[in-house]
Each structure stands twice: as structure tokens, then as C-alpha cells.
Amino acid sequence: MDNKDKEMRLQVYMARSGIASRRKCEKLITDGYVKVNGKKITEMGFRVNSSDTVVYNGQILKLIKNNIYLALNKPPLYLCSNSDPQNRNLAIDLIKGDFQDRLYNVGRLDYLSTGLIFFTNDGDFTKIVAHPSSGIEKEYIVESKQIIEEKFLIEFMAGVTIEGERYKLHSYKYKTKYKVKLVLLEGKNREIRRFFQSRNLKIKKLHRVKIGIVELENIPSGSYRYLTGKEVAWFLKKKKGES
């Protein structure tokens, strides 16, 4: 196979090198952090192959041969980030000592929230799981200090705009009058918390229990397991024919 056969878009190369999701890599390119063969590249559509030297922020990138897919049960008071100026606990610290590869979280759970979150070095997988066009359900158990009136959940399902951001619930099911199961297809940053706050409902606990076909099940808090081949294949089949 010649180099032409191995050509791919620069952001794809970066994602497959474990830097970040493809979308994040696109921003890193446009922001001027990437060089190919010593030349800064800022335009989309630039293609590279295995003989090119791709450098991000001074680091030479290499394609990852073995992808890693993990499901972590995030405890409370852990931040989904690779760094924190306030020196708070990081979710990545619960797993990174076991791996030499650079891993990153797929989406986020906020500092107080708990439950299922994926870590991987596969940018394509990250994009599939996180993008709303994939239609992947994220299931949460939410417990409030006040009675959760059904009229609020009906509003949420119809779609609400809070501070210029549109939020929409996919489905709900009551556990008790204080506790509900909520299913989102997108899961924007702090979406559930912002909606509950807008209705003067105080969240006592927010716990994600399922993403797609992957359930939290018996993963202890602070521990992780590998996704099975069948689970990974299920997500990758959601891909929209991109090269």
C-alpha cells in the first residue's frame, strides 16, 4: 500500500493519535497549534499520510495501534478534565496510572454528579458517543429534595430555553415522587441541573446509569471495566459514513 492509500484528513489523524475528539482537533488546528512537516496548518481539509511529521504543541503525534475503551463509575467530587487550577480531584487520575496511553473522557459528568462515563484514546468513538446525531440515549437517576411535579417534566420533554440554550428531555419515569429516571439524547453541559434549578428544584443526587447499551451495573464507585468488543461495535455502527 502506498502513502496515497494511507492519506487522511489532519483532524482524523490527530484524533486517531489520541489527542482529543475530531471536533476538538479541528479547533486545535484552526487555533494554530498544529504543524505538518514544520509548517503551521490552520485550514480544514488538509490531508496527511504516514510519512508526514505531525506536531501538536511541540509533541510529535503517532497513530495509536490499539484503542482502549473504558467505563468508569465516577465518584462525587471528581472533575472530568485533564487539569484543574483549583487542584481538585480528577476522574482521569482514577485510571491513568494503569495505562501509558493518553486517555480522555467522552463527554462529562459535573463535579458533584456520579456514575457512568467512558474514557478512550479513540477520537472517532468519542465523536459518535457525544454527538446528538448518533441518537445515543444517556440515562440518569435524579433525586430532588422537593416533590418533582410532572408538569415540569412535561415542559422539559416539550423543550425549554434557559439563558439562550435549548434543552429537551427524551423520556422520563418516576421511581418515587422525589426520584425520577431521565433519558437524554444530547446531554448538554449541566443540562439537568440547569433545568431543575430553573424550576426551583434542588438536586440531592444525579447519577448516570446507562449510555447506549452499556449499563453501570456492578462497577464499584471509583472503579472501571473495559467495554466488550460487542459494546464497542454497537457504538461504532452509529458512525455516519465519514472517512
Protein backbone atom coordinates (compact mmCIF):
# COMPACT_ATOMS: atom_id res chain seq x y z
CA MET A 1 0.00 0.00 0.00
CA ASP A 2 1.45 3.37 -0.94
CA ASN A 3 1.28 6.62 1.02
CA LYS A 4 -1.62 7.91 -1.08
CA ASP A 5 -3.74 5.00 0.14
CA LYS A 6 -3.00 5.96 3.75
CA GLU A 7 -3.94 9.62 3.40
CA MET A 8 -6.48 11.05 5.85
CA ARG A 9 -7.64 14.44 6.99
CA LEU A 10 -5.40 16.08 9.57
CA GLN A 11 -8.08 16.18 12.27
CA VAL A 12 -8.72 12.47 11.75
CA TYR A 13 -5.01 11.73 12.12
CA MET A 14 -4.91 13.73 15.35
CA ALA A 15 -8.00 12.02 16.76
CA ARG A 16 -6.52 8.61 15.97
CA SER A 17 -3.36 9.71 17.75
CA GLY A 18 -5.36 10.09 20.97
CA ILE A 19 -5.17 13.88 21.32
CA ALA A 20 -8.89 14.60 21.53
CA SER A 21 -12.17 14.14 19.68
CA ARG A 22 -12.23 15.03 15.99
CA ARG A 23 -14.25 18.17 16.68
CA LYS A 24 -11.77 19.35 19.33
CA CYS A 25 -8.88 18.58 16.97
CA GLU A 26 -10.47 20.79 14.32
CA LYS A 27 -10.40 23.69 16.78
CA LEU A 28 -6.78 22.99 17.72
CA ILE A 29 -5.91 23.20 14.01
CA THR A 30 -7.76 26.47 13.38
CA ASP A 31 -6.25 27.94 16.56
CA GLY A 32 -2.77 27.33 15.13
CA TYR A 33 -1.45 24.61 17.44
CA VAL A 34 -0.58 22.09 14.71
CA LYS A 35 2.34 21.81 12.30
CA VAL A 36 2.90 19.33 9.47
CA ASN A 37 6.48 18.90 8.29
CA GLY A 38 7.41 22.12 10.07
CA LYS A 39 4.62 24.22 8.55
CA LYS A 40 1.73 25.56 10.63
CA ILE A 41 -1.62 24.29 9.28
CA THR A 42 -4.82 26.17 10.08
CA GLU A 43 -7.20 25.22 7.26
CA MET A 44 -9.65 22.33 7.29
CA GLY A 45 -9.33 19.62 4.65
CA PHE A 46 -5.54 19.33 4.82
CA ARG A 47 -4.52 15.71 4.31
CA VAL A 48 -1.55 13.82 5.71
CA ASN A 49 -0.09 10.34 5.43
CA SER A 50 2.19 8.06 7.42
CA SER A 51 5.38 9.69 6.13
CA ASP A 52 4.40 13.18 7.36
CA THR A 53 5.57 14.59 10.69
CA VAL A 54 2.59 15.96 12.60
CA VAL A 55 3.34 18.06 15.68
CA TYR A 56 0.78 19.38 18.18
CA ASN A 57 2.01 21.91 20.72
CA GLY A 58 5.58 20.60 20.37
CA GLN A 59 4.59 16.93 20.60
CA ILE A 60 5.12 14.58 17.64
CA LEU A 61 1.95 12.56 17.07
CA LYS A 62 1.84 8.87 16.24
CA LEU A 63 -1.21 6.86 15.24
CA ILE A 64 -2.42 4.56 18.00
CA LYS A 65 -2.49 0.92 17.02
CA ASN A 66 -4.51 -0.34 19.97
CA ASN A 67 -7.60 1.55 21.05
CA ILE A 68 -8.77 1.47 24.67
CA TYR A 69 -12.40 1.77 25.79
CA LEU A 70 -13.23 2.03 29.50
CA ALA A 71 -16.39 2.51 31.55
CA LEU A 72 -15.75 4.30 34.87
CA ASN A 73 -18.10 4.78 37.80
CA LYS A 74 -17.23 8.38 38.70
CA PRO A 75 -17.49 9.24 42.39
CA PRO A 76 -18.71 12.66 43.57
CA LEU A 77 -16.17 15.48 43.90
CA TYR A 78 -14.15 14.42 40.86
CA LEU A 79 -13.71 16.71 37.86
CA CYS A 80 -13.87 15.46 34.25
CA SER A 81 -10.84 17.33 32.95
CA ASN A 82 -7.14 16.72 32.33
CA SER A 83 -6.15 19.56 34.68
CA ASP A 84 -7.64 21.92 37.24
CA PRO A 85 -6.19 25.23 38.51
CA GLN A 86 -8.02 24.63 41.82
CA ASN A 87 -6.22 21.29 42.24
CA ARG A 88 -9.45 19.31 42.69
CA ASN A 89 -9.59 15.54 42.22
CA LEU A 90 -9.63 14.47 38.55
CA ALA A 91 -11.57 11.47 37.26
CA ILE A 92 -8.69 10.63 34.89
CA ASP A 93 -6.43 10.08 37.92
CA LEU A 94 -8.55 7.05 38.84
CA ILE A 95 -7.36 5.21 35.71
CA LYS A 96 -4.30 6.83 34.16
CA GLY A 97 -1.82 5.04 36.43
CA ASP A 98 -2.82 1.79 34.74
CA PHE A 99 -2.17 2.98 31.16
CA GLN A 100 0.71 4.51 29.25
CA ASP A 101 -1.65 5.74 26.52
CA ARG A 102 -3.19 9.18 26.83
CA LEU A 103 -6.89 8.73 27.62
CA TYR A 104 -9.65 11.31 27.81
CA ASN A 105 -13.26 11.38 28.95
CA VAL A 106 -16.13 11.06 26.49
CA GLY A 107 -18.45 13.91 27.40
CA ARG A 108 -18.63 14.98 31.04
CA LEU A 109 -20.28 14.49 34.37
CA ASP A 110 -20.10 17.60 36.54
CA TYR A 111 -18.13 17.77 39.77
CA LEU A 112 -20.98 16.67 42.06
CA SER A 113 -22.58 14.12 39.72
CA THR A 114 -21.76 10.42 39.79
CA GLY A 115 -21.99 7.37 37.59
CA LEU A 116 -21.10 6.09 34.16
CA ILE A 117 -18.56 7.85 31.97
CA PHE A 118 -16.34 6.49 29.19
CA PHE A 119 -12.61 7.01 28.73
CA THR A 120 -10.84 6.23 25.47
CA ASN A 121 -8.00 7.13 23.12
CA ASP A 122 -10.26 6.79 20.06
CA GLY A 123 -11.42 10.17 18.73
CA ASP A 124 -13.91 8.60 16.33
CA PHE A 125 -15.59 6.74 19.20
CA THR A 126 -15.77 9.97 21.21
CA LYS A 127 -17.49 11.83 18.40
CA ILE A 128 -20.04 9.07 17.87
CA VAL A 129 -20.99 8.82 21.55
CA ALA A 130 -21.10 12.57 22.17
CA HIS A 131 -22.82 13.83 19.02
CA PRO A 132 -26.64 14.10 19.17
CA SER A 133 -26.98 12.91 15.55
CA SER A 134 -25.99 9.42 16.74
CA GLY A 135 -29.19 9.23 18.82
CA ILE A 136 -27.48 7.51 21.74
CA GLU A 137 -29.52 7.56 24.93
CA LYS A 138 -27.98 8.64 28.24
CA GLU A 139 -29.96 7.54 31.28
CA TYR A 140 -29.86 9.26 34.69
CA ILE A 141 -31.42 8.76 38.10
CA VAL A 142 -32.20 12.14 39.62
CA GLU A 143 -33.29 12.66 43.21
CA SER A 144 -34.63 16.00 44.43
CA LYS A 145 -35.20 17.47 47.87
CA GLN A 146 -38.67 18.58 46.71
CA ILE A 147 -41.51 16.74 45.04
CA ILE A 148 -40.85 16.61 41.29
CA GLU A 149 -44.10 17.71 39.72
CA GLU A 150 -44.93 16.02 36.44
CA LYS A 151 -45.82 19.33 34.79
CA PHE A 152 -42.11 20.24 34.93
CA LEU A 153 -41.07 17.02 33.19
CA ILE A 154 -43.73 17.53 30.52
CA GLU A 155 -42.27 21.00 29.92
CA PHE A 156 -38.79 19.51 29.72
CA MET A 157 -39.95 16.97 27.12
CA ALA A 158 -41.52 19.71 25.01
CA GLY A 159 -38.23 21.62 25.07
CA VAL A 160 -37.23 24.66 27.13
CA THR A 161 -34.83 27.56 26.58
CA ILE A 162 -32.74 28.65 29.56
CA GLU A 163 -30.34 31.57 29.22
CA GLY A 164 -30.38 31.18 25.44
CA GLU A 165 -29.68 27.42 25.48
CA ARG A 166 -32.27 24.89 24.27
CA TYR A 167 -32.77 21.76 26.38
CA LYS A 168 -35.03 18.79 25.72
CA LEU A 169 -35.81 15.61 27.62
CA HIS A 170 -36.31 12.39 25.65
CA SER A 171 -38.31 10.44 28.26
CA TYR A 172 -38.91 10.05 31.99
CA LYS A 173 -40.19 7.52 34.51
CA TYR A 174 -40.99 8.07 38.16
CA LYS A 175 -39.25 5.99 40.84
CA THR A 176 -40.83 7.94 43.68
CA LYS A 177 -42.32 11.42 43.84
CA TYR A 178 -38.81 12.65 44.69
CA LYS A 179 -36.85 10.47 42.28
CA VAL A 180 -37.08 10.04 38.50
CA LYS A 181 -35.28 8.29 35.68
CA LEU A 182 -34.49 10.76 32.89
CA VAL A 183 -33.26 9.91 29.39
CA LEU A 184 -31.42 12.45 27.23
CA LEU A 185 -30.19 12.11 23.65
CA GLU A 186 -27.76 15.02 23.79
CA GLY A 187 -26.87 15.79 27.38
CA LYS A 188 -25.55 19.35 27.17
CA ASN A 189 -23.30 20.72 29.90
CA ARG A 190 -25.18 20.70 33.24
CA GLU A 191 -28.49 20.34 31.35
CA ILE A 192 -30.42 18.54 34.08
CA ARG A 193 -29.09 20.75 36.86
CA ARG A 194 -29.91 23.92 34.95
CA PHE A 195 -33.44 22.78 34.23
CA PHE A 196 -34.12 21.75 37.83
CA GLN A 197 -32.63 25.00 39.11
CA SER A 198 -34.86 26.98 36.75
CA ARG A 199 -37.88 25.31 38.41
CA ASN A 200 -36.52 25.87 41.94
CA LEU A 201 -35.89 22.17 42.48
CA LYS A 202 -32.79 21.26 44.48
CA ILE A 203 -30.99 18.14 43.27
CA LYS A 204 -29.95 15.80 46.04
CA LYS A 205 -28.28 13.26 43.74
CA LEU A 206 -27.62 12.99 39.99
CA HIS A 207 -26.35 9.58 38.88
CA ARG A 208 -25.83 8.36 35.30
CA VAL A 209 -26.61 4.67 34.98
CA LYS A 210 -26.56 3.92 31.24
CA ILE A 211 -25.08 5.10 27.93
CA GLY A 212 -26.43 3.35 24.84
CA ILE A 213 -26.32 -0.38 25.61
CA VAL A 214 -23.73 -0.02 28.40
CA GLU A 215 -25.08 -0.15 31.95
CA LEU A 216 -23.23 0.87 35.08
CA GLU A 217 -24.35 -2.33 36.80
CA ASN A 218 -21.76 -3.70 39.25
CA ILE A 219 -18.86 -1.30 38.71
CA PRO A 220 -17.92 -0.01 42.19
CA SER A 221 -17.57 3.72 42.71
CA GLY A 222 -14.11 4.82 41.57
CA SER A 223 -13.53 1.64 39.56
CA TYR A 224 -13.71 0.83 35.86
CA ARG A 225 -14.06 -2.01 33.39
CA TYR A 226 -13.20 -2.45 29.73
CA LEU A 227 -16.05 -2.21 27.25
CA THR A 228 -16.62 -5.51 25.49
CA GLY A 229 -15.99 -5.92 21.78
CA LYS A 230 -19.74 -6.22 21.26
CA GLU A 231 -20.37 -2.93 23.10
CA VAL A 232 -17.70 -1.04 21.15
CA ALA A 233 -19.02 -2.42 17.86
CA TRP A 234 -22.55 -1.25 18.74
CA PHE A 235 -21.34 2.35 19.09
CA LEU A 236 -19.12 2.29 16.03
CA LYS A 237 -22.05 1.14 13.89
CA LYS A 238 -23.64 4.52 14.64
CA LYS A 239 -20.97 6.26 12.57
CA LYS A 240 -22.29 8.36 9.68
CA GLY A 241 -20.10 7.22 6.79
CA GLU A 242 -17.22 9.66 7.37
CA SER A 243 -13.74 8.97 6.03
